């Protein structure tokens, strides 16, 4: 384990087409838990070399419930709109 990975508690990888999502639970020095959500997408440079574009969101414990409520709400709405 690398020094930068010592605060990582759990990781879930979700492969979805051209994108990969990483859901990581990490701990602060004070042992407060937080989540990082990372989207990784493979892209190709002009020279044909491949690289990865990454976008990261940090979600802190005080926001977990509100984030979950918002996500649940939009997923429910999507299901309603599909019918």
PDB file of N, CA and C in Angstrom:
ATOM      1  N   UNK A   1       0.851  -1.190   0.000  1.00  0.00           N
ATOM      2  CA  UNK A   1       0.000   0.000   0.000  1.00  0.00           C
ATOM      3  C   UNK A   1       0.887   1.241   0.000  1.00  0.00           C
ATOM      4  N   UNK A   2       0.622   2.174  -0.909  1.00  0.00           N
ATOM      5  CA  UNK A   2       1.390   3.411  -0.979  1.00  0.00           C
ATOM      6  C   UNK A   2       0.980   4.336   0.154  1.00  0.00           C
ATOM      7  N   UNK A   3       1.856   5.264   0.498  1.00  0.00           N
ATOM      8  CA  UNK A   3       1.552   6.215   1.568  1.00  0.00           C
ATOM      9  C   UNK A   3       0.249   6.958   1.300  1.00  0.00           C
ATOM     10  N   UNK A   4      -0.005   7.345   0.048  1.00  0.00           N
ATOM     11  CA  UNK A   4      -1.215   8.101  -0.272  1.00  0.00           C
ATOM     12  C   UNK A   4      -2.466   7.236  -0.186  1.00  0.00           C
ATOM     13  N   UNK A   5      -2.294   5.901  -0.194  1.00  0.00           N
ATOM     14  CA  UNK A   5      -3.440   4.999  -0.135  1.00  0.00           C
ATOM     15  C   UNK A   5      -3.775   4.570   1.289  1.00  0.00           C
ATOM     16  N   UNK A   6      -3.003   4.992   2.271  1.00  0.00           N
ATOM     17  CA  UNK A   6      -3.219   4.532   3.636  1.00  0.00           C
ATOM     18  C   UNK A   6      -4.567   4.947   4.191  1.00  0.00           C
ATOM     19  N   UNK A   7      -5.142   6.047   3.698  1.00  0.00           N
ATOM     20  CA  UNK A   7      -6.429   6.489   4.220  1.00  0.00           C
ATOM     21  C   UNK A   7      -7.591   5.872   3.460  1.00  0.00           C
ATOM     22  N   UNK A   8      -7.320   4.998   2.482  1.00  0.00           N
ATOM     23  CA  UNK A   8      -8.385   4.362   1.715  1.00  0.00           C
ATOM     24  C   UNK A   8      -8.912   3.155   2.475  1.00  0.00           C
ATOM     25  N   UNK A   9     -10.232   3.129   2.690  1.00  0.00           N
ATOM     26  CA  UNK A   9     -10.882   2.087   3.473  1.00  0.00           C
ATOM     27  C   UNK A   9     -11.515   1.030   2.575  1.00  0.00           C
ATOM     28  N   UNK A  10     -12.153   1.483   1.495  1.00  0.00           N
ATOM     29  CA  UNK A  10     -12.902   0.580   0.614  1.00  0.00           C
ATOM     30  C   UNK A  10     -13.005   1.220  -0.759  1.00  0.00           C
ATOM     31  N   UNK A  11     -12.990   0.391  -1.802  1.00  0.00           N
ATOM     32  CA  UNK A  11     -13.127   0.898  -3.157  1.00  0.00           C
ATOM     33  C   UNK A  11     -14.030  -0.016  -3.967  1.00  0.00           C
ATOM     34  N   UNK A  12     -14.930   0.571  -4.722  1.00  0.00           N
ATOM     35  CA  UNK A  12     -15.827  -0.164  -5.617  1.00  0.00           C
ATOM     36  C   UNK A  12     -15.633   0.402  -7.011  1.00  0.00           C
ATOM     37  N   UNK A  13     -15.326  -0.479  -7.975  1.00  0.00           N
ATOM     38  CA  UNK A  13     -15.115  -0.074  -9.364  1.00  0.00           C
ATOM     39  C   UNK A  13     -16.336  -0.508 -10.170  1.00  0.00           C
ATOM     40  N   UNK A  14     -16.882   0.426 -10.955  1.00  0.00           N
ATOM     41  CA  UNK A  14     -18.024   0.138 -11.817  1.00  0.00           C
ATOM     42  C   UNK A  14     -17.634   0.490 -13.244  1.00  0.00           C
ATOM     43  N   UNK A  15     -17.566  -0.519 -14.090  1.00  0.00           N
ATOM     44  CA  UNK A  15     -17.254  -0.296 -15.502  1.00  0.00           C
ATOM     45  C   UNK A  15     -18.563  -0.142 -16.256  1.00  0.00           C
ATOM     46  N   UNK A  16     -18.662   0.945 -17.014  1.00  0.00           N
ATOM     47  CA  UNK A  16     -19.903   1.265 -17.729  1.00  0.00           C
ATOM     48  C   UNK A  16     -19.544   1.806 -19.108  1.00  0.00           C
ATOM     49  N   UNK A  17     -19.470   0.907 -20.082  1.00  0.00           N
ATOM     50  CA  UNK A  17     -19.128   1.336 -21.433  1.00  0.00           C
ATOM     51  C   UNK A  17     -17.732   1.907 -21.495  1.00  0.00           C
ATOM     52  N   UNK A  18     -17.619   3.137 -22.008  1.00  0.00           N
ATOM     53  CA  UNK A  18     -16.316   3.782 -22.156  1.00  0.00           C
ATOM     54  C   UNK A  18     -15.840   4.440 -20.871  1.00  0.00           C
ATOM     55  N   UNK A  19     -16.674   4.403 -19.849  1.00  0.00           N
ATOM     56  CA  UNK A  19     -16.332   5.070 -18.592  1.00  0.00           C
ATOM     57  C   UNK A  19     -16.153   4.043 -17.481  1.00  0.00           C
ATOM     58  N   UNK A  20     -15.332   4.418 -16.525  1.00  0.00           N
ATOM     59  CA  UNK A  20     -15.183   3.636 -15.305  1.00  0.00           C
ATOM     60  C   UNK A  20     -15.417   4.587 -14.148  1.00  0.00           C
ATOM     61  N   UNK A  21     -16.210   4.134 -13.177  1.00  0.00           N
ATOM     62  CA  UNK A  21     -16.491   4.926 -11.985  1.00  0.00           C
ATOM     63  C   UNK A  21     -15.847   4.255 -10.782  1.00  0.00           C
ATOM     64  N   UNK A  22     -15.235   5.065  -9.940  1.00  0.00           N
ATOM     65  CA  UNK A  22     -14.623   4.581  -8.713  1.00  0.00           C
ATOM     66  C   UNK A  22     -15.339   5.229  -7.538  1.00  0.00           C
ATOM     67  N   UNK A  23     -15.850   4.401  -6.636  1.00  0.00           N
ATOM     68  CA  UNK A  23     -16.472   4.860  -5.400  1.00  0.00           C
ATOM     69  C   UNK A  23     -15.507   4.473  -4.279  1.00  0.00           C
ATOM     70  N   UNK A  24     -14.849   5.450  -3.688  1.00  0.00           N
ATOM     71  CA  UNK A  24     -13.836   5.176  -2.674  1.00  0.00           C
ATOM     72  C   UNK A  24     -14.244   5.768  -1.334  1.00  0.00           C
ATOM     73  N   UNK A  25     -14.157   4.944  -0.290  1.00  0.00           N
ATOM     74  CA  UNK A  25     -14.352   5.431   1.076  1.00  0.00           C
ATOM     75  C   UNK A  25     -12.966   5.669   1.646  1.00  0.00           C
ATOM     76  N   UNK A  26     -12.764   6.858   2.177  1.00  0.00           N
ATOM     77  CA  UNK A  26     -11.471   7.220   2.752  1.00  0.00           C
ATOM     78  C   UNK A  26     -11.683   7.804   4.141  1.00  0.00           C
ATOM     79  N   UNK A  27     -10.598   7.924   4.882  1.00  0.00           N
ATOM     80  CA  UNK A  27     -10.661   8.486   6.229  1.00  0.00           C
ATOM     81  C   UNK A  27      -9.680   9.643   6.344  1.00  0.00           C
ATOM     82  N   UNK A  28     -10.103  10.669   7.069  1.00  0.00           N
ATOM     83  CA  UNK A  28      -9.210  11.781   7.363  1.00  0.00           C
ATOM     84  C   UNK A  28      -8.265  11.361   8.485  1.00  0.00           C
ATOM     85  N   UNK A  29      -7.314  12.209   8.810  1.00  0.00           N
ATOM     86  CA  UNK A  29      -6.399  11.910   9.924  1.00  0.00           C
ATOM     87  C   UNK A  29      -7.160  11.751  11.233  1.00  0.00           C
ATOM     88  N   UNK A  30      -8.327  12.413  11.324  1.00  0.00           N
ATOM     89  CA  UNK A  30      -9.162  12.301  12.517  1.00  0.00           C
ATOM     90  C   UNK A  30     -10.157  11.157  12.437  1.00  0.00           C
ATOM     91  N   UNK A  31      -9.995  10.278  11.458  1.00  0.00           N
ATOM     92  CA  UNK A  31     -10.855   9.114  11.233  1.00  0.00           C
ATOM     93  C   UNK A  31     -12.298   9.446  10.855  1.00  0.00           C
ATOM     94  N   UNK A  32     -12.533  10.640  10.307  1.00  0.00           N
ATOM     95  CA  UNK A  32     -13.839  10.943   9.723  1.00  0.00           C
ATOM     96  C   UNK A  32     -13.856  10.336   8.328  1.00  0.00           C
ATOM     97  N   UNK A  33     -14.953   9.669   7.981  1.00  0.00           N
ATOM     98  CA  UNK A  33     -15.063   9.037   6.678  1.00  0.00           C
ATOM     99  C   UNK A  33     -15.627  10.005   5.646  1.00  0.00           C
ATOM    100  N   UNK A  34     -15.160   9.876   4.402  1.00  0.00           N
ATOM    101  CA  UNK A  34     -15.701  10.633   3.282  1.00  0.00           C
ATOM    102  C   UNK A  34     -15.614   9.761   2.050  1.00  0.00           C
ATOM    103  N   UNK A  35     -16.302  10.171   0.992  1.00  0.00           N
ATOM    104  CA  UNK A  35     -16.360   9.400  -0.242  1.00  0.00           C
ATOM    105  C   UNK A  35     -15.778  10.239  -1.369  1.00  0.00           C
ATOM    106  N   UNK A  36     -15.000   9.591  -2.234  1.00  0.00           N
ATOM    107  CA  UNK A  36     -14.622  10.238  -3.481  1.00  0.00           C
ATOM    108  C   UNK A  36     -15.274   9.449  -4.615  1.00  0.00           C
ATOM    109  N   UNK A  37     -15.891  10.171  -5.533  1.00  0.00           N
ATOM    110  CA  UNK A  37     -16.485   9.588  -6.731  1.00  0.00           C
ATOM    111  C   UNK A  37     -15.617  10.050  -7.895  1.00  0.00           C
ATOM    112  N   UNK A  38     -15.067   9.112  -8.637  1.00  0.00           N
ATOM    113  CA  UNK A  38     -14.189   9.459  -9.747  1.00  0.00           C
ATOM    114  C   UNK A  38     -14.719   8.837 -11.025  1.00  0.00           C
ATOM    115  N   UNK A  39     -14.833   9.664 -12.058  1.00  0.00           N
ATOM    116  CA  UNK A  39     -15.184   9.174 -13.386  1.00  0.00           C
ATOM    117  C   UNK A  39     -13.896   9.187 -14.198  1.00  0.00           C
ATOM    118  N   UNK A  40     -13.589   8.066 -14.828  1.00  0.00           N
ATOM    119  CA  UNK A  40     -12.406   7.961 -15.665  1.00  0.00           C
ATOM    120  C   UNK A  40     -12.849   7.557 -17.063  1.00  0.00           C
ATOM    121  N   UNK A  41     -12.389   8.319 -18.056  1.00  0.00           N
ATOM    122  CA  UNK A  41     -12.770   8.045 -19.441  1.00  0.00           C
ATOM    123  C   UNK A  41     -11.514   8.025 -20.292  1.00  0.00           C
ATOM    124  N   UNK A  42     -11.353   6.968 -21.058  1.00  0.00           N
ATOM    125  CA  UNK A  42     -10.189   6.833 -21.926  1.00  0.00           C
ATOM    126  C   UNK A  42     -10.360   7.736 -23.139  1.00  0.00           C
ATOM    127  N   UNK A  43      -9.296   8.440 -23.479  1.00  0.00           N
ATOM    128  CA  UNK A  43      -9.313   9.275 -24.682  1.00  0.00           C
ATOM    129  C   UNK A  43      -7.980   9.085 -25.405  1.00  0.00           C
ATOM    130  N   UNK A  44      -7.936   9.546 -26.628  1.00  0.00           N
ATOM    131  CA  UNK A  44      -6.744   9.380 -27.450  1.00  0.00           C
ATOM    132  C   UNK A  44      -6.214  10.734 -27.879  1.00  0.00           C
ATOM    133  N   UNK A  45      -4.894  10.901 -27.785  1.00  0.00           N
ATOM    134  CA  UNK A  45      -4.247  12.130 -28.199  1.00  0.00           C
ATOM    135  C   UNK A  45      -4.103  12.180 -29.711  1.00  0.00           C
ATOM    136  N   UNK A  46      -3.684  13.324 -30.207  1.00  0.00           N
ATOM    137  CA  UNK A  46      -3.495  13.499 -31.651  1.00  0.00           C
ATOM    138  C   UNK A  46      -2.470  12.520 -32.209  1.00  0.00           C
ATOM    139  N   UNK A  47      -1.523  12.114 -31.386  1.00  0.00           N
ATOM    140  CA  UNK A  47      -0.494  11.174 -31.838  1.00  0.00           C
ATOM    141  C   UNK A  47      -0.932   9.718 -31.702  1.00  0.00           C
ATOM    142  N   UNK A  48      -2.192   9.501 -31.284  1.00  0.00           N
ATOM    143  CA  UNK A  48      -2.711   8.147 -31.140  1.00  0.00           C
ATOM    144  C   UNK A  48      -2.478   7.540 -29.776  1.00  0.00           C
ATOM    145  N   UNK A  49      -1.742   8.227 -28.921  1.00  0.00           N
ATOM    146  CA  UNK A  49      -1.498   7.696 -27.576  1.00  0.00           C
ATOM    147  C   UNK A  49      -2.785   7.813 -26.753  1.00  0.00           C
ATOM    148  N   UNK A  50      -2.965   6.861 -25.845  1.00  0.00           N
ATOM    149  CA  UNK A  50      -4.169   6.909 -25.019  1.00  0.00           C
ATOM    150  C   UNK A  50      -3.841   7.512 -23.659  1.00  0.00           C
ATOM    151  N   UNK A  51      -4.805   8.213 -23.122  1.00  0.00           N
ATOM    152  CA  UNK A  51      -4.700   8.759 -21.780  1.00  0.00           C
ATOM    153  C   UNK A  51      -6.093   8.729 -21.153  1.00  0.00           C
ATOM    154  N   UNK A  52      -6.168   9.110 -19.903  1.00  0.00           N
ATOM    155  CA  UNK A  52      -7.439   9.052 -19.183  1.00  0.00           C
ATOM    156  C   UNK A  52      -7.797  10.428 -18.651  1.00  0.00           C
ATOM    157  N   UNK A  53      -9.041  10.817 -18.913  1.00  0.00           N
ATOM    158  CA  UNK A  53      -9.574  12.041 -18.323  1.00  0.00           C
ATOM    159  C   UNK A  53     -10.273  11.620 -17.037  1.00  0.00           C
ATOM    160  N   UNK A  54      -9.975  12.323 -15.960  1.00  0.00           N
ATOM    161  CA  UNK A  54     -10.592  11.976 -14.677  1.00  0.00           C
ATOM    162  C   UNK A  54     -11.275  13.190 -14.088  1.00  0.00           C
ATOM    163  N   UNK A  55     -12.434  12.947 -13.514  1.00  0.00           N
ATOM    164  CA  UNK A  55     -13.189  13.972 -12.800  1.00  0.00           C
ATOM    165  C   UNK A  55     -13.524  13.405 -11.437  1.00  0.00           C
ATOM    166  N   UNK A  56     -13.285  14.200 -10.401  1.00  0.00           N
ATOM    167  CA  UNK A  56     -13.454  13.690  -9.043  1.00  0.00           C
ATOM    168  C   UNK A  56     -14.360  14.608  -8.234  1.00  0.00           C
ATOM    169  N   UNK A  57     -15.219  13.983  -7.428  1.00  0.00           N
ATOM    170  CA  UNK A  57     -16.100  14.693  -6.500  1.00  0.00           C
ATOM    171  C   UNK A  57     -15.809  14.175  -5.096  1.00  0.00           C
ATOM    172  N   UNK A  58     -15.677  15.075  -4.153  1.00  0.00           N
ATOM    173  CA  UNK A  58     -15.510  14.693  -2.749  1.00  0.00           C
ATOM    174  C   UNK A  58     -16.840  14.882  -2.051  1.00  0.00           C
ATOM    175  N   UNK A  59     -17.276  13.871  -1.334  1.00  0.00           N
ATOM    176  CA  UNK A  59     -18.550  13.911  -0.619  1.00  0.00           C
ATOM    177  C   UNK A  59     -18.272  13.669   0.864  1.00  0.00           C
ATOM    178  N   UNK A  60     -18.594  14.663   1.684  1.00  0.00           N
ATOM    179  CA  UNK A  60     -18.283  14.595   3.110  1.00  0.00           C
ATOM    180  C   UNK A  60     -19.485  14.117   3.911  1.00  0.00           C
ATOM    181  N   UNK A  61     -19.198  13.540   5.082  1.00  0.00           N
ATOM    182  CA  UNK A  61     -20.216  12.842   5.867  1.00  0.00           C
ATOM    183  C   UNK A  61     -21.453  13.690   6.154  1.00  0.00           C
ATOM    184  N   UNK A  62     -21.279  14.984   6.336  1.00  0.00           N
ATOM    185  CA  UNK A  62     -22.440  15.830   6.631  1.00  0.00           C
ATOM    186  C   UNK A  62     -23.378  15.963   5.429  1.00  0.00           C
ATOM    187  N   UNK A  63     -22.903  15.553   4.246  1.00  0.00           N
ATOM    188  CA  UNK A  63     -23.710  15.649   3.029  1.00  0.00           C
ATOM    189  C   UNK A  63     -24.230  14.301   2.537  1.00  0.00           C
ATOM    190  N   UNK A  64     -23.852  13.193   3.179  1.00  0.00           N
ATOM    191  CA  UNK A  64     -24.235  11.863   2.698  1.00  0.00           C
ATOM    192  C   UNK A  64     -25.742  11.729   2.502  1.00  0.00           C
ATOM    193  N   UNK A  65     -26.518  12.077   3.518  1.00  0.00           N
ATOM    194  CA  UNK A  65     -27.964  11.862   3.457  1.00  0.00           C
ATOM    195  C   UNK A  65     -28.614  12.730   2.373  1.00  0.00           C
ATOM    196  N   UNK A  66     -28.234  13.998   2.278  1.00  0.00           N
ATOM    197  CA  UNK A  66     -28.791  14.881   1.250  1.00  0.00           C
ATOM    198  C   UNK A  66     -28.424  14.395  -0.146  1.00  0.00           C
ATOM    199  N   UNK A  67     -27.188  13.938  -0.318  1.00  0.00           N
ATOM    200  CA  UNK A  67     -26.752  13.411  -1.614  1.00  0.00           C
ATOM    201  C   UNK A  67     -27.570  12.184  -1.979  1.00  0.00           C
ATOM    202  N   UNK A  68     -27.744  11.275  -1.023  1.00  0.00           N
ATOM    203  CA  UNK A  68     -28.522  10.054  -1.253  1.00  0.00           C
ATOM    204  C   UNK A  68     -29.964  10.402  -1.602  1.00  0.00           C
ATOM    205  N   UNK A  69     -30.554  11.333  -0.881  1.00  0.00           N
ATOM    206  CA  UNK A  69     -31.937  11.759  -1.172  1.00  0.00           C
ATOM    207  C   UNK A  69     -32.042  12.315  -2.588  1.00  0.00           C
ATOM    208  N   UNK A  70     -31.096  13.151  -2.985  1.00  0.00           N
ATOM    209  CA  UNK A  70     -31.118  13.734  -4.322  1.00  0.00           C
ATOM    210  C   UNK A  70     -30.958  12.683  -5.401  1.00  0.00           C
ATOM    211  N   UNK A  71     -30.027  11.762  -5.202  1.00  0.00           N
ATOM    212  CA  UNK A  71     -29.808  10.689  -6.173  1.00  0.00           C
ATOM    213  C   UNK A  71     -31.032   9.785  -6.261  1.00  0.00           C
ATOM    214  N   UNK A  72     -31.579   9.388  -5.112  1.00  0.00           N
ATOM    215  CA  UNK A  72     -32.794   8.557  -5.109  1.00  0.00           C
ATOM    216  C   UNK A  72     -33.932   9.254  -5.842  1.00  0.00           C
ATOM    217  N   UNK A  73     -34.070  10.560  -5.619  1.00  0.00           N
ATOM    218  CA  UNK A  73     -35.145  11.322  -6.244  1.00  0.00           C
ATOM    219  C   UNK A  73     -35.025  11.318  -7.769  1.00  0.00           C
ATOM    220  N   UNK A  74     -33.829  11.603  -8.281  1.00  0.00           N
ATOM    221  CA  UNK A  74     -33.690  11.656  -9.739  1.00  0.00           C
ATOM    222  C   UNK A  74     -33.797  10.269 -10.371  1.00  0.00           C
ATOM    223  N   UNK A  75     -33.328   9.237  -9.686  1.00  0.00           N
ATOM    224  CA  UNK A  75     -33.475   7.875 -10.219  1.00  0.00           C
ATOM    225  C   UNK A  75     -34.939   7.448 -10.254  1.00  0.00           C
ATOM    226  N   UNK A  76     -35.696   7.820  -9.225  1.00  0.00           N
ATOM    227  CA  UNK A  76     -37.133   7.535  -9.210  1.00  0.00           C
ATOM    228  C   UNK A  76     -37.827   8.279 -10.339  1.00  0.00           C
ATOM    229  N   UNK A  77     -37.465   9.542 -10.557  1.00  0.00           N
ATOM    230  CA  UNK A  77     -38.062  10.341 -11.621  1.00  0.00           C
ATOM    231  C   UNK A  77     -37.760   9.737 -12.989  1.00  0.00           C
ATOM    232  N   UNK A  78     -36.544   9.263 -13.187  1.00  0.00           N
ATOM    233  CA  UNK A  78     -36.181   8.613 -14.451  1.00  0.00           C
ATOM    234  C   UNK A  78     -37.085   7.404 -14.703  1.00  0.00           C
ATOM    235  N   UNK A  79     -37.299   6.595 -13.673  1.00  0.00           N
ATOM    236  CA  UNK A  79     -38.167   5.417 -13.811  1.00  0.00           C
ATOM    237  C   UNK A  79     -39.592   5.840 -14.182  1.00  0.00           C
ATOM    238  N   UNK A  80     -40.085   6.909 -13.565  1.00  0.00           N
ATOM    239  CA  UNK A  80     -41.436   7.412 -13.865  1.00  0.00           C
ATOM    240  C   UNK A  80     -41.501   7.876 -15.321  1.00  0.00           C
ATOM    241  N   UNK A  81     -40.487   8.583 -15.785  1.00  0.00           N
ATOM    242  CA  UNK A  81     -40.498   9.136 -17.134  1.00  0.00           C
ATOM    243  C   UNK A  81     -40.366   8.059 -18.205  1.00  0.00           C
ATOM    244  N   UNK A  82     -39.761   6.939 -17.855  1.00  0.00           N
ATOM    245  CA  UNK A  82     -39.614   5.846 -18.813  1.00  0.00           C
ATOM    246  C   UNK A  82     -40.922   5.112 -19.064  1.00  0.00           C
ATOM    247  N   UNK A  83     -41.862   5.210 -18.142  1.00  0.00           N
ATOM    248  CA  UNK A  83     -43.153   4.512 -18.272  1.00  0.00           C
ATOM    249  C   UNK A  83     -44.165   5.290 -19.051  1.00  0.00           C
TER     250      UNK A  83
END
